[in-house]
Amino acid sequence: MAERGPRGRQVFIDRARQLRRQQTGAEGVLWYHLRDRRLLNFRFKRQHRIGPYIVDFFCREYRLIIEVDGGQHSDQVEQDQLRTHFLESRGLTVVRFWNDDVLANIDGVLEAILNHLAPTSP
């Protein structure tokens, strides 16, 4: 668990900045479509802190977290489950996509995200 207090906050800020600078190719592709309200005017933040975690993308208005997972996640299934449980226990929805899905099928990924954001729209 992270340090508490002003220094602990700075640790998270520094880590989020580092993650933004070192984003994966798939994160970059998805961020291109989510940034500046490009996806039907929904606002997303990138590398956003929630509790002890930094999530890839977060739409506060709809309490939706988007995680883009690379191959290393197949080795950390239990950690991802604990993380998802923590986030969902706070009323958030977590949607995960594999890097390959984002890179090979961005339209399908965006459609899946829209289904979580506007489930009643046509």
Protein backbone atom coordinates (compact mmCIF):
# COMPACT_ATOMS: atom_id res chain seq x y z
CA MET A 1 0.00 0.00 0.00
CA ALA A 2 1.21 3.49 -0.77
CA GLU A 3 2.49 6.04 1.66
CA ARG A 4 -0.08 8.39 3.15
CA GLY A 5 0.17 12.15 3.35
CA PRO A 6 1.59 14.72 0.94
CA ARG A 7 4.59 12.59 -0.03
CA GLY A 8 2.35 9.58 -0.73
CA ARG A 9 0.22 11.70 -3.02
CA GLN A 10 3.31 12.85 -4.88
CA VAL A 11 4.37 9.22 -5.37
CA PHE A 12 1.06 8.54 -7.15
CA ILE A 13 1.35 11.69 -9.25
CA ASP A 14 4.88 10.75 -10.31
CA ARG A 15 3.85 7.18 -11.10
CA ALA A 16 0.85 8.33 -13.19
CA ARG A 17 3.10 10.69 -15.15
CA GLN A 18 5.55 7.89 -15.78
CA LEU A 19 2.76 5.58 -16.99
CA ARG A 20 1.46 8.27 -19.34
CA ARG A 21 4.94 8.75 -20.82
CA GLN A 22 5.47 4.99 -21.19
CA GLN A 23 2.04 4.00 -22.45
CA THR A 24 1.78 0.87 -24.57
CA GLY A 25 0.90 1.05 -28.24
CA ALA A 26 -2.59 -0.23 -27.48
CA GLU A 27 -3.10 2.38 -24.76
CA GLY A 28 -2.00 5.07 -27.21
CA VAL A 29 -4.46 3.88 -29.85
CA LEU A 30 -7.34 3.78 -27.38
CA TRP A 31 -6.40 7.14 -25.85
CA TYR A 32 -6.47 8.71 -29.32
CA HIS A 33 -10.16 7.76 -29.56
CA LEU A 34 -11.09 8.66 -25.95
CA ARG A 35 -9.22 11.95 -25.48
CA ASP A 36 -10.75 15.39 -25.94
CA ARG A 37 -14.28 13.93 -25.70
CA ARG A 38 -13.87 12.26 -29.12
CA LEU A 39 -16.10 9.33 -28.17
CA LEU A 40 -19.59 10.87 -28.28
CA ASN A 41 -18.49 13.68 -25.94
CA PHE A 42 -17.73 11.36 -22.99
CA ARG A 43 -14.89 12.64 -20.80
CA PHE A 44 -12.10 10.24 -19.90
CA LYS A 45 -9.03 10.65 -17.74
CA ARG A 46 -5.87 8.68 -18.39
CA GLN A 47 -3.80 6.99 -15.67
CA HIS A 48 -6.15 8.11 -12.89
CA ARG A 49 -5.72 7.23 -9.23
CA ILE A 50 -8.54 5.43 -7.45
CA GLY A 51 -7.69 4.27 -3.95
CA PRO A 52 -4.35 2.46 -4.01
CA TYR A 53 -4.54 1.89 -7.79
CA ILE A 54 -3.86 3.82 -10.97
CA VAL A 55 -6.35 2.81 -13.66
CA ASP A 56 -5.70 3.13 -17.39
CA PHE A 57 -8.82 5.15 -18.31
CA PHE A 58 -11.68 6.49 -16.19
CA CYS A 59 -15.01 8.09 -17.07
CA ARG A 60 -16.10 9.63 -13.76
CA GLU A 61 -19.63 10.51 -14.91
CA TYR A 62 -20.46 6.87 -15.66
CA ARG A 63 -18.09 5.37 -13.06
CA LEU A 64 -16.47 3.31 -15.81
CA ILE A 65 -12.89 2.07 -15.76
CA ILE A 66 -11.22 0.78 -18.91
CA GLU A 67 -8.13 -1.41 -18.46
CA VAL A 68 -5.91 -2.43 -21.36
CA ASP A 69 -4.02 -5.61 -20.51
CA GLY A 70 -0.84 -6.92 -22.04
CA GLY A 71 0.62 -10.40 -21.86
CA GLN A 72 1.95 -9.86 -18.32
CA HIS A 73 -1.63 -9.93 -17.05
CA SER A 74 -1.92 -13.65 -17.80
CA ASP A 75 0.67 -14.10 -15.02
CA GLN A 76 -1.09 -11.85 -12.52
CA VAL A 77 -4.69 -13.03 -12.68
CA GLU A 78 -5.12 -13.08 -8.91
CA GLN A 79 -3.78 -9.53 -8.53
CA ASP A 80 -6.12 -8.30 -11.28
CA GLN A 81 -9.08 -10.02 -9.60
CA LEU A 82 -8.28 -8.34 -6.25
CA ARG A 83 -7.92 -4.99 -7.99
CA THR A 84 -11.20 -5.43 -9.87
CA HIS A 85 -12.99 -6.52 -6.68
CA PHE A 86 -11.70 -3.43 -4.83
CA LEU A 87 -12.86 -1.09 -7.63
CA GLU A 88 -16.24 -2.77 -8.09
CA SER A 89 -16.86 -2.71 -4.33
CA ARG A 90 -16.79 1.08 -4.68
CA GLY A 91 -19.56 1.04 -7.27
CA LEU A 92 -17.29 1.24 -10.31
CA THR A 93 -17.51 -0.89 -13.43
CA VAL A 94 -14.27 -2.35 -14.76
CA VAL A 95 -14.00 -3.39 -18.40
CA ARG A 96 -10.82 -5.11 -19.61
CA PHE A 97 -9.48 -5.48 -23.12
CA TRP A 98 -6.36 -7.27 -24.32
CA ASN A 99 -3.78 -5.17 -26.17
CA ASP A 100 -4.31 -7.33 -29.27
CA ASP A 101 -8.06 -6.60 -29.27
CA VAL A 102 -7.45 -2.86 -29.14
CA LEU A 103 -4.89 -3.01 -31.93
CA ALA A 104 -6.78 -5.41 -34.21
CA ASN A 105 -10.38 -4.38 -33.53
CA ILE A 106 -10.57 -0.80 -32.24
CA ASP A 107 -14.08 -0.36 -33.63
CA GLY A 108 -15.33 -3.37 -31.66
CA VAL A 109 -13.59 -2.11 -28.51
CA LEU A 110 -15.14 1.35 -28.88
CA GLU A 111 -18.56 -0.21 -29.45
CA ALA A 112 -18.18 -2.30 -26.28
CA ILE A 113 -17.21 0.83 -24.33
CA LEU A 114 -20.20 2.71 -25.71
CA ASN A 115 -22.46 -0.16 -24.61
CA HIS A 116 -21.33 0.51 -21.03
CA LEU A 117 -21.67 4.28 -21.34
CA ALA A 118 -24.99 4.50 -23.16
CA PRO A 119 -26.71 1.11 -22.93
CA THR A 120 -30.06 2.51 -24.06
CA SER A 121 -28.84 4.36 -27.15
CA PRO A 122 -29.42 2.72 -30.58
